[in-house]
Amino acid sequence: MSLFRKKSLEHIQAEFEAGHTDGHGGGMHKVLKVRDLTFMGIAAVIGAGIFSTIGTAASNGGPGIAFLFVITAITCGFCALCYAEFASRVPIAGSAYTYAYVSFGELIAWIIGWALILEYAIGNIVVAISWSGYFDNLLRGLGINLPEWLLVDPFTQAAQVEKAKAALQTAPIHLLDPALKKALDLNLAAPTIGGIRIFMNLPAFLIVVFITLLAYIGIKESKKTTNFMVIFKLAVIVLVIILGFFYVKPENWSPFLPNGFGGVLAGVSAVFYAYIGFDAISTTAEECENPQRDMPKGMIYSLIICTVLYILIALVLTGMVHYKELNVNDPLAYVFEKIDLDWIGYIISISAVVATTSVMLVFQLGQPRIWMSMSRDGLLPKKFAQVHKKYQTPAFATIVT
């Protein structure tokens, strides 16, 4: 058996037209249209990062970071066109894994498949932890304070305690870093069961369970939920842009490139991060009504919409305050606090929770479909390829995810 054996496009097309792949698992609901794919792309791209990365980039590049969003969008656009072409010619779940199988062979596909699985898994872990923080801030705004031991996982807590103990060997406790001192205090306050102190990130755990359940019960339900969340966060972003426009001071845009083009390029890593995720929608190719037509449109439309919104927000933020003031954790809330519109900050907090939820949902849809494709090709146990008879989703792979 060759490590570089390939699957032909003709074989894949025949499987797609027959409504199944390799006889495992059966067909899936074909319910996704251009609008749904566009919204999924926006859901994956516009996360809570839009509320922080723009400020980081603008603090170096000034108003000129609008150019950087255009440059980055063009760069990502070339990548999106590649994905779009592959998705239209290889209309099954699997994303880059399947494309690599067709182009380079089984070994390269296996490596890329596991890379994608790690990307989605680690990405969802990080986003879930961020979601927990945003949700906790939202609850605090309502006067609800969760115990600290329900907001940190045991591994992070143990690592912080070890750091604190090591630091105490060379410095008195009153000089200890506040975060490390907090970890020691939390270690004393946490409840114990059988002599074991209990720590868990409860909000992160609950949102992962909810997202997994949603992905399990069907693509229709996931589609409707995603569309609702995208409409909500787009409404908040448009509200921010419109309100902010009335408080723009044109003098803040001069000079437009205060540190030259080099200053603009200094923010490229933060800006590029703001575009990550659009490729995840290619994993839903089997659930598209017409993937050859709709998948390319969905990817390109989502990139264009996100780019326009990013540019407008960057111009509004740098027009409302001097660009040097934007190097803060939450620049959107900061600029509206300066003009005594504090209530906008609370809406932004809600939007951050919704935005991170939508990112997790798209990633949670993507990872099981990678596993399903690898299982169909014999690279994972057949159990991962099973499609639920009622919900028509990769049920086992979704639960394991």
Protein backbone atom coordinates (compact mmCIF):
# COMPACT_ATOMS: atom_id res chain seq x y z
CA MET A 1 0.00 0.00 0.00
CA SER A 2 1.50 3.34 -1.06
CA LEU A 3 1.79 6.12 1.50
CA PHE A 4 1.15 8.56 -1.31
CA ARG A 5 -1.90 6.97 -2.90
CA LYS A 6 -4.43 9.56 -4.05
CA LYS A 7 -8.19 9.80 -4.48
CA SER A 8 -9.33 10.86 -7.93
CA LEU A 9 -11.73 13.73 -8.53
CA GLU A 10 -13.91 11.40 -10.59
CA HIS A 11 -14.23 8.97 -7.66
CA ILE A 12 -15.10 11.78 -5.23
CA GLN A 13 -17.63 13.30 -7.63
CA ALA A 14 -19.31 9.92 -8.07
CA GLU A 15 -19.54 9.50 -4.28
CA PHE A 16 -21.02 12.98 -3.89
CA GLU A 17 -23.64 12.41 -6.57
CA ALA A 18 -24.55 9.07 -4.98
CA GLY A 19 -25.12 10.87 -1.67
CA HIS A 20 -22.60 8.88 0.35
CA THR A 21 -18.89 8.34 0.77
CA ASP A 22 -17.34 4.88 0.77
CA GLY A 23 -20.58 3.39 2.02
CA HIS A 24 -20.10 4.46 5.64
CA GLY A 25 -22.40 6.74 7.56
CA GLY A 26 -24.88 7.72 4.84
CA GLY A 27 -25.94 11.12 3.60
CA MET A 28 -26.27 14.43 5.40
CA HIS A 29 -28.84 17.23 5.28
CA LYS A 30 -28.15 19.52 2.31
CA VAL A 31 -29.58 22.75 3.70
CA LEU A 32 -26.82 25.36 3.44
CA LYS A 33 -27.15 28.16 0.89
CA VAL A 34 -24.96 31.15 0.02
CA ARG A 35 -26.37 33.25 2.86
CA ASP A 36 -25.77 30.52 5.43
CA LEU A 37 -22.19 29.94 4.27
CA THR A 38 -21.52 33.68 4.27
CA PHE A 39 -22.84 33.97 7.81
CA MET A 40 -20.76 30.97 8.91
CA GLY A 41 -17.67 32.64 7.49
CA ILE A 42 -18.47 35.87 9.33
CA ALA A 43 -19.20 33.89 12.50
CA ALA A 44 -15.77 32.26 12.37
CA VAL A 45 -13.83 35.40 11.42
CA ILE A 46 -15.40 38.11 13.58
CA GLY A 47 -14.86 36.93 17.13
CA ALA A 48 -14.16 38.96 20.22
CA GLY A 49 -10.76 39.80 18.71
CA ILE A 50 -12.32 42.66 16.78
CA PHE A 51 -12.79 44.41 20.13
CA SER A 52 -9.07 44.29 20.96
CA THR A 53 -6.81 43.61 17.97
CA ILE A 54 -7.80 46.79 16.15
CA GLY A 55 -6.66 48.88 19.11
CA THR A 56 -3.32 47.07 19.29
CA ALA A 57 -2.63 47.60 15.59
CA ALA A 58 -3.87 51.21 15.58
CA SER A 59 -1.60 52.20 18.48
CA ASN A 60 1.37 51.64 16.15
CA GLY A 61 0.05 52.34 12.68
CA GLY A 62 -2.44 55.09 13.37
CA PRO A 63 -5.39 55.63 11.00
CA GLY A 64 -3.33 54.03 8.24
CA ILE A 65 -4.14 50.54 9.52
CA ALA A 66 -7.15 50.77 7.21
CA PHE A 67 -4.64 50.03 4.43
CA LEU A 68 -3.41 47.01 6.37
CA PHE A 69 -6.88 45.49 6.45
CA VAL A 70 -7.09 45.84 2.68
CA ILE A 71 -3.66 44.25 2.17
CA THR A 72 -4.44 41.41 4.57
CA ALA A 73 -7.83 40.84 2.96
CA ILE A 74 -6.21 40.55 -0.48
CA THR A 75 -3.68 38.07 0.91
CA CYS A 76 -6.40 36.01 2.59
CA GLY A 77 -8.46 36.38 -0.57
CA PHE A 78 -5.91 34.39 -2.57
CA CYS A 79 -6.09 31.66 0.06
CA ALA A 80 -9.89 31.81 0.02
CA LEU A 81 -9.90 31.43 -3.77
CA CYS A 82 -7.79 28.28 -3.43
CA TYR A 83 -10.18 26.89 -0.82
CA ALA A 84 -13.14 27.90 -2.96
CA GLU A 85 -11.79 26.12 -6.04
CA PHE A 86 -11.02 22.97 -4.08
CA ALA A 87 -14.39 23.07 -2.31
CA SER A 88 -16.20 23.35 -5.64
CA ARG A 89 -14.22 20.51 -7.24
CA VAL A 90 -14.11 18.28 -4.13
CA PRO A 91 -17.64 18.73 -2.69
CA ILE A 92 -17.33 16.56 0.43
CA ALA A 93 -16.51 17.21 4.08
CA GLY A 94 -12.85 17.23 4.99
CA SER A 95 -11.54 20.65 4.01
CA ALA A 96 -7.75 20.79 3.53
CA TYR A 97 -7.41 17.14 4.57
CA THR A 98 -9.44 15.94 1.58
CA TYR A 99 -7.80 18.44 -0.77
CA ALA A 100 -4.38 17.17 0.28
CA TYR A 101 -5.52 13.56 -0.25
CA VAL A 102 -6.45 14.41 -3.84
CA SER A 103 -3.34 16.50 -4.53
CA PHE A 104 -0.46 14.94 -2.55
CA GLY A 105 -1.59 11.58 -1.25
CA GLU A 106 -2.47 9.80 1.97
CA LEU A 107 0.58 10.60 4.13
CA ILE A 108 0.41 14.36 3.60
CA ALA A 109 -3.37 14.24 4.06
CA TRP A 110 -2.97 12.36 7.36
CA ILE A 111 -0.54 15.02 8.65
CA ILE A 112 -2.78 17.89 7.55
CA GLY A 113 -5.86 16.16 8.98
CA TRP A 114 -4.32 15.93 12.45
CA ALA A 115 -3.03 19.51 12.15
CA LEU A 116 -6.59 20.67 11.48
CA ILE A 117 -7.94 18.63 14.38
CA LEU A 118 -5.39 20.21 16.72
CA GLU A 119 -6.16 23.66 15.33
CA TYR A 120 -9.89 23.33 15.98
CA ALA A 121 -9.42 21.63 19.36
CA ILE A 122 -6.90 24.13 20.74
CA GLY A 123 -8.77 27.03 19.16
CA ASN A 124 -12.02 26.02 20.85
CA ILE A 125 -10.28 25.55 24.21
CA VAL A 126 -8.79 29.04 24.03
CA VAL A 127 -12.05 30.61 22.84
CA ALA A 128 -14.03 28.81 25.58
CA ILE A 129 -11.70 30.22 28.23
CA SER A 130 -12.06 33.70 26.71
CA TRP A 131 -15.84 33.23 26.61
CA SER A 132 -15.79 32.42 30.32
CA GLY A 133 -14.00 35.69 31.03
CA TYR A 134 -16.43 37.75 28.93
CA PHE A 135 -19.42 35.99 30.50
CA ASP A 136 -18.08 36.59 34.01
CA ASN A 137 -17.64 40.30 33.24
CA LEU A 138 -21.20 40.40 31.94
CA LEU A 139 -22.53 38.79 35.13
CA ARG A 140 -20.52 41.19 37.29
CA GLY A 141 -22.19 44.06 35.44
CA LEU A 142 -25.50 42.60 36.60
CA GLY A 143 -24.25 42.30 40.18
CA ILE A 144 -23.74 38.52 40.00
CA ASN A 145 -20.36 37.31 41.23
CA LEU A 146 -19.37 33.69 40.67
CA PRO A 147 -16.88 32.14 43.13
CA GLU A 148 -13.34 32.42 41.77
CA TRP A 149 -12.80 28.67 42.07
CA LEU A 150 -15.51 28.19 39.44
CA LEU A 151 -13.62 30.37 36.96
CA VAL A 152 -10.23 28.65 36.78
CA ASP A 153 -9.24 25.15 35.71
CA PRO A 154 -7.17 22.98 38.11
CA PHE A 155 -4.09 22.90 35.86
CA THR A 156 -3.82 26.68 35.59
CA GLN A 157 -4.41 27.05 39.33
CA ALA A 158 -1.75 24.46 40.20
CA ALA A 159 0.78 26.15 37.89
CA GLN A 160 0.08 29.56 39.44
CA VAL A 161 0.45 28.19 42.98
CA GLU A 162 3.80 26.60 42.09
CA LYS A 163 5.00 29.90 40.64
CA ALA A 164 3.87 31.71 43.79
CA LYS A 165 5.70 29.25 46.05
CA ALA A 166 8.86 29.61 43.98
CA ALA A 167 8.60 33.41 44.11
CA LEU A 168 8.20 33.34 47.90
CA GLN A 169 11.64 31.76 48.16
CA THR A 170 13.23 35.04 47.07
CA ALA A 171 10.72 37.74 48.05
CA PRO A 172 8.28 38.48 50.91
CA ILE A 173 4.57 37.97 50.26
CA HIS A 174 3.76 41.69 50.15
CA LEU A 175 6.04 42.04 47.10
CA LEU A 176 4.44 39.09 45.33
CA ASP A 177 2.81 39.62 41.95
CA PRO A 178 -0.95 40.29 42.52
CA ALA A 179 -1.95 37.41 40.22
CA LEU A 180 0.23 34.97 42.16
CA LYS A 181 -1.03 36.26 45.50
CA LYS A 182 -4.58 35.81 44.23
CA ALA A 183 -3.77 32.19 43.36
CA LEU A 184 -2.56 31.53 46.93
CA ASP A 185 -5.67 33.13 48.43
CA LEU A 186 -7.87 31.15 46.05
CA ASN A 187 -6.14 27.94 47.08
CA LEU A 188 -7.25 28.57 50.66
CA ALA A 189 -10.81 29.59 49.73
CA ALA A 190 -11.63 26.68 47.41
CA PRO A 191 -13.81 23.84 48.78
CA THR A 192 -12.33 20.38 49.21
CA ILE A 193 -13.70 16.89 48.56
CA GLY A 194 -11.72 14.01 50.01
CA GLY A 195 -8.80 16.33 50.66
CA ILE A 196 -8.72 17.51 47.02
CA ARG A 197 -9.33 21.18 46.34
CA ILE A 198 -12.00 21.75 43.69
CA PHE A 199 -11.31 24.05 40.76
CA MET A 200 -13.16 24.15 37.46
CA ASN A 201 -13.97 26.68 34.77
CA LEU A 202 -17.72 26.13 34.97
CA PRO A 203 -18.82 28.70 32.33
CA ALA A 204 -16.33 27.30 29.80
CA PHE A 205 -17.52 23.76 30.49
CA LEU A 206 -21.19 24.66 30.14
CA ILE A 207 -20.76 26.56 26.86
CA VAL A 208 -18.80 23.66 25.35
CA VAL A 209 -21.59 21.25 26.37
CA PHE A 210 -24.22 23.56 24.88
CA ILE A 211 -22.33 24.01 21.60
CA THR A 212 -21.68 20.27 21.32
CA LEU A 213 -25.38 19.52 21.85
CA LEU A 214 -26.32 22.06 19.20
CA ALA A 215 -23.85 20.59 16.69
CA TYR A 216 -25.13 17.10 17.53
CA ILE A 217 -28.83 17.67 16.95
CA GLY A 218 -28.49 19.00 13.43
CA ILE A 219 -27.02 21.36 10.87
CA LYS A 220 -30.41 23.11 10.51
CA GLU A 221 -30.43 24.12 14.17
CA SER A 222 -26.77 25.11 14.03
CA LYS A 223 -27.42 27.16 10.91
CA LYS A 224 -30.32 29.07 12.48
CA THR A 225 -28.37 29.74 15.67
CA THR A 226 -25.32 30.91 13.75
CA ASN A 227 -27.40 33.22 11.56
CA PHE A 228 -29.06 34.76 14.62
CA MET A 229 -25.75 35.36 16.40
CA VAL A 230 -24.15 36.86 13.29
CA ILE A 231 -27.08 39.21 12.74
CA PHE A 232 -26.84 40.33 16.38
CA LYS A 233 -23.11 41.02 16.35
CA LEU A 234 -23.30 42.73 12.95
CA ALA A 235 -26.06 44.96 14.34
CA VAL A 236 -23.82 45.90 17.29
CA ILE A 237 -20.86 46.63 14.99
CA VAL A 238 -23.02 48.78 12.69
CA LEU A 239 -24.40 50.60 15.75
CA VAL A 240 -20.85 51.31 16.94
CA ILE A 241 -19.86 52.60 13.50
CA ILE A 242 -22.91 54.86 13.10
CA LEU A 243 -22.76 56.30 16.63
CA GLY A 244 -19.01 56.72 16.47
CA PHE A 245 -19.20 58.55 13.15
CA PHE A 246 -20.96 61.49 14.82
CA TYR A 247 -18.05 61.88 17.27
CA VAL A 248 -15.22 61.64 14.74
CA LYS A 249 -12.72 64.50 14.81
CA PRO A 250 -11.03 64.69 11.38
CA GLU A 251 -7.89 66.17 12.94
CA ASN A 252 -7.25 62.79 14.58
CA TRP A 253 -6.69 61.36 11.09
CA SER A 254 -3.77 63.70 10.48
CA PRO A 255 -1.14 62.47 9.93
CA PHE A 256 -2.73 59.38 8.40
CA LEU A 257 0.55 57.43 8.53
CA PRO A 258 2.26 58.86 11.65
CA ASN A 259 4.98 56.18 11.71
CA GLY A 260 5.15 55.60 8.00
CA PHE A 261 4.17 52.40 6.28
CA GLY A 262 6.54 50.52 8.59
CA GLY A 263 4.34 51.46 11.54
CA VAL A 264 1.31 50.11 9.70
CA LEU A 265 3.06 46.82 8.93
CA ALA A 266 4.01 46.46 12.62
CA GLY A 267 0.40 45.50 13.28
CA VAL A 268 0.23 42.81 10.61
CA SER A 269 0.22 39.89 13.07
CA ALA A 270 -2.73 41.32 15.03
CA VAL A 271 -4.66 42.15 11.86
CA PHE A 272 -4.00 38.80 10.20
CA TYR A 273 -5.29 37.06 13.32
CA ALA A 274 -8.56 38.95 12.83
CA TYR A 275 -9.14 37.02 9.58
CA ILE A 276 -8.50 33.49 10.85
CA GLY A 277 -11.40 31.05 10.52
CA PHE A 278 -13.01 31.61 7.13
CA ASP A 279 -11.66 28.26 5.88
CA ALA A 280 -13.74 26.34 8.45
CA ILE A 281 -16.88 26.58 6.32
CA SER A 282 -15.30 24.28 3.71
CA THR A 283 -15.86 21.37 6.14
CA THR A 284 -19.62 21.70 5.53
CA ALA A 285 -19.41 21.06 1.77
CA GLU A 286 -21.57 17.92 1.99
CA GLU A 287 -24.35 19.92 3.63
CA CYS A 288 -24.50 22.56 0.88
CA GLU A 289 -27.33 22.49 -1.62
CA ASN A 290 -24.91 23.42 -4.39
CA PRO A 291 -21.30 23.46 -3.11
CA GLN A 292 -19.78 24.09 -6.53
CA ARG A 293 -21.69 27.36 -6.80
CA ASP A 294 -22.31 28.42 -3.20
CA MET A 295 -19.05 27.59 -1.39
CA PRO A 296 -16.84 30.03 -3.38
CA LYS A 297 -19.44 32.78 -3.05
CA GLY A 298 -19.84 32.24 0.70
CA MET A 299 -16.09 32.46 1.35
CA ILE A 300 -15.52 35.56 -0.77
CA TYR A 301 -18.63 37.37 0.47
CA SER A 302 -17.71 36.76 4.12
CA LEU A 303 -14.18 38.11 3.56
CA ILE A 304 -15.49 41.22 1.79
CA ILE A 305 -18.07 41.97 4.50
CA CYS A 306 -15.55 41.46 7.31
CA THR A 307 -12.98 43.66 5.57
CA VAL A 308 -15.43 46.53 5.06
CA LEU A 309 -16.49 46.38 8.72
CA TYR A 310 -12.88 46.22 9.95
CA ILE A 311 -11.92 49.26 7.87
CA LEU A 312 -14.91 51.30 9.04
CA ILE A 313 -14.29 50.45 12.70
CA ALA A 314 -10.60 51.31 12.36
CA LEU A 315 -11.44 54.69 10.82
CA VAL A 316 -14.10 55.45 13.44
CA LEU A 317 -11.87 54.51 16.39
CA THR A 318 -8.87 56.48 15.15
CA GLY A 319 -11.17 59.40 14.35
CA MET A 320 -12.81 59.51 17.78
CA VAL A 321 -9.56 59.57 19.80
CA HIS A 322 -5.85 59.96 19.10
CA TYR A 323 -4.41 56.66 17.90
CA LYS A 324 -1.90 56.51 20.79
CA GLU A 325 -4.78 56.16 23.26
CA LEU A 326 -6.01 52.91 21.68
CA ASN A 327 -3.43 50.57 23.21
CA VAL A 328 -5.93 49.30 25.79
CA ASN A 329 -7.61 45.94 26.36
CA ASP A 330 -11.04 47.10 25.18
CA PRO A 331 -10.65 50.07 22.80
CA LEU A 332 -14.30 50.13 21.70
CA ALA A 333 -15.60 50.46 25.25
CA TYR A 334 -12.80 52.95 26.03
CA VAL A 335 -13.64 55.43 23.26
CA PHE A 336 -17.34 55.47 24.16
CA GLU A 337 -16.59 55.93 27.86
CA LYS A 338 -14.65 59.05 26.89
CA ILE A 339 -17.79 60.56 25.35
CA ASP A 340 -19.98 59.48 28.29
CA LEU A 341 -21.78 56.69 26.43
CA ASP A 342 -20.98 54.00 28.99
CA TRP A 343 -24.07 51.96 28.07
CA ILE A 344 -22.41 51.08 24.76
CA GLY A 345 -19.74 49.23 26.73
CA TYR A 346 -22.38 46.89 28.17
CA ILE A 347 -23.78 46.16 24.70
CA ILE A 348 -20.24 45.45 23.50
CA SER A 349 -19.81 43.00 26.41
CA ILE A 350 -22.94 41.13 25.31
CA SER A 351 -21.69 41.16 21.73
CA ALA A 352 -18.33 39.73 22.82
CA VAL A 353 -20.12 36.78 24.46
CA VAL A 354 -22.22 36.21 21.34
CA ALA A 355 -19.22 36.60 19.02
CA THR A 356 -17.10 34.02 20.83
CA THR A 357 -20.07 31.64 20.95
CA SER A 358 -20.45 31.82 17.17
CA VAL A 359 -16.74 31.12 16.67
CA MET A 360 -16.95 28.02 18.88
CA LEU A 361 -20.01 26.74 17.04
CA VAL A 362 -18.35 26.94 13.62
CA PHE A 363 -15.20 25.23 14.90
CA GLN A 364 -17.31 22.60 16.67
CA LEU A 365 -19.01 21.87 13.37
CA GLY A 366 -15.68 21.62 11.56
CA GLN A 367 -13.66 19.22 13.69
CA PRO A 368 -16.09 16.24 13.66
CA ARG A 369 -16.32 16.46 9.88
CA ILE A 370 -12.54 16.19 9.58
CA TRP A 371 -12.66 13.07 11.77
CA MET A 372 -15.54 11.71 9.71
CA SER A 373 -13.60 12.14 6.46
CA MET A 374 -10.48 10.50 7.88
CA SER A 375 -12.57 7.61 9.17
CA ARG A 376 -14.16 7.08 5.77
CA ASP A 377 -10.67 6.79 4.29
CA GLY A 378 -9.66 4.18 6.86
CA LEU A 379 -7.34 6.44 8.86
CA LEU A 380 -9.56 6.36 11.97
CA PRO A 381 -11.98 3.74 13.38
CA LYS A 382 -15.23 3.42 11.40
CA LYS A 383 -17.18 4.66 14.43
CA PHE A 384 -16.09 8.23 13.63
CA ALA A 385 -17.82 8.04 10.23
CA GLN A 386 -21.24 7.16 11.65
CA VAL A 387 -23.97 9.62 10.76
CA HIS A 388 -26.97 9.84 13.10
CA LYS A 389 -30.07 8.41 11.39
CA LYS A 390 -32.37 11.13 12.73
CA TYR A 391 -30.15 14.21 12.96
CA GLN A 392 -27.87 13.33 10.01
CA THR A 393 -24.76 14.63 11.75
CA PRO A 394 -21.47 12.82 12.56
CA ALA A 395 -22.80 11.98 16.02
CA PHE A 396 -19.94 10.00 17.58
CA ALA A 397 -17.26 12.35 16.23
CA THR A 398 -19.21 15.34 17.58
CA ILE A 399 -19.44 13.85 21.08
CA VAL A 400 -15.72 12.99 21.14
CA THR A 401 -14.94 16.52 20.00
